[in-house]
Amino acid sequence: MADETQVARQEPAKDDWTGIAATVAEAFANQLSYCEANGAPLTGRVVNALASLLGDPDPDPFIARIRDWPGSALADGLPLRAVYAVRG
């Protein structure tokens, strides 16, 4: 497994994920980088798909809850929690 310092963090594109707190966007970008660096393309695709919904001006309650996360999205493992909630 790659050391955290060896994984290049992927920042969201300027036009992507608009209207969301930077910490949530950073957490999703960070998780996507980990997925790509560690051979987890399917999980990465789900992370990316969820992240693309975060800027929706009228999100469903699940996406709104993620977008408005009250804690530290990265420390709380929000992207992976969201992925595993989707897969049930």
Protein backbone atom coordinates (compact mmCIF):
# COMPACT_ATOMS: atom_id res chain seq x y z
CA MET A 1 0.00 0.00 0.00
CA ALA A 2 1.29 3.45 -0.89
CA ASP A 3 2.47 5.79 1.82
CA GLU A 4 0.23 8.87 2.16
CA THR A 5 3.13 11.13 1.22
CA GLN A 6 3.66 9.22 -2.03
CA VAL A 7 0.11 9.63 -3.35
CA ALA A 8 -0.41 12.75 -5.42
CA ARG A 9 -3.67 14.36 -4.35
CA GLN A 10 -6.00 15.07 -7.21
CA GLU A 11 -7.78 18.42 -7.01
CA PRO A 12 -11.26 18.80 -8.45
CA ALA A 13 -11.45 20.70 -11.71
CA LYS A 14 -12.55 24.32 -11.39
CA ASP A 15 -15.90 23.66 -13.05
CA ASP A 16 -16.60 20.49 -11.07
CA TRP A 17 -18.20 20.04 -7.66
CA THR A 18 -19.27 23.69 -7.40
CA GLY A 19 -21.14 24.94 -4.39
CA ILE A 20 -19.66 22.49 -1.87
CA ALA A 21 -17.38 22.95 1.09
CA ALA A 22 -13.72 22.59 0.19
CA THR A 23 -13.20 19.97 2.87
CA VAL A 24 -15.79 17.66 1.31
CA ALA A 25 -14.40 18.19 -2.19
CA GLU A 26 -10.87 17.61 -0.91
CA ALA A 27 -11.92 14.42 0.85
CA PHE A 28 -13.48 13.04 -2.33
CA ALA A 29 -10.48 14.09 -4.44
CA ASN A 30 -8.13 12.50 -1.91
CA GLN A 31 -10.11 9.25 -1.89
CA LEU A 32 -10.17 9.16 -5.67
CA SER A 33 -6.37 9.50 -5.70
CA TYR A 34 -6.02 6.63 -3.23
CA CYS A 35 -8.32 4.46 -5.31
CA GLU A 36 -6.35 5.14 -8.47
CA ALA A 37 -2.97 4.63 -6.77
CA ASN A 38 -4.02 1.38 -5.11
CA GLY A 39 -5.79 -0.46 -7.91
CA ALA A 40 -9.40 0.15 -6.90
CA PRO A 41 -10.93 1.50 -10.12
CA LEU A 42 -14.50 0.47 -9.35
CA THR A 43 -14.50 2.20 -5.97
CA GLY A 44 -12.86 5.19 -7.66
CA ARG A 45 -15.64 5.38 -10.21
CA VAL A 46 -18.28 5.38 -7.48
CA VAL A 47 -16.37 8.06 -5.53
CA ASN A 48 -16.13 10.16 -8.68
CA ALA A 49 -19.82 9.65 -9.51
CA LEU A 50 -20.89 10.72 -6.02
CA ALA A 51 -18.56 13.72 -6.15
CA SER A 52 -20.07 14.81 -9.45
CA LEU A 53 -23.49 14.99 -7.77
CA LEU A 54 -22.36 17.21 -4.91
CA GLY A 55 -22.78 20.41 -6.90
CA ASP A 56 -26.38 19.64 -7.81
CA PRO A 57 -28.50 22.71 -6.89
CA ASP A 58 -31.41 20.45 -5.88
CA PRO A 59 -29.80 17.28 -4.49
CA ASP A 60 -31.65 14.37 -2.98
CA PRO A 61 -31.35 14.00 0.83
CA PHE A 62 -28.43 11.54 0.60
CA ILE A 63 -26.28 13.88 -1.50
CA ALA A 64 -27.33 16.92 0.54
CA ARG A 65 -26.24 15.14 3.73
CA ILE A 66 -22.83 14.41 2.21
CA ARG A 67 -22.42 17.93 0.84
CA ASP A 68 -23.36 19.53 4.16
CA TRP A 69 -21.25 17.20 6.31
CA PRO A 70 -20.74 18.90 9.70
CA GLY A 71 -17.44 17.27 10.63
CA SER A 72 -14.13 16.66 8.96
CA ALA A 73 -15.02 14.77 5.80
CA LEU A 74 -11.54 13.33 5.40
CA ALA A 75 -11.04 12.31 9.03
CA ASP A 76 -14.53 10.84 9.16
CA GLY A 77 -13.93 8.76 6.03
CA LEU A 78 -16.96 10.33 4.38
CA PRO A 79 -16.21 9.25 0.79
CA LEU A 80 -15.89 5.57 1.71
CA ARG A 81 -18.90 5.72 4.00
CA ALA A 82 -20.91 7.12 1.10
CA VAL A 83 -19.61 4.45 -1.30
CA TYR A 84 -20.55 1.65 1.08
CA ALA A 85 -23.97 3.21 1.72
CA VAL A 86 -24.62 3.09 -2.02
CA ARG A 87 -23.66 -0.55 -2.34
CA GLY A 88 -25.76 -1.48 0.68
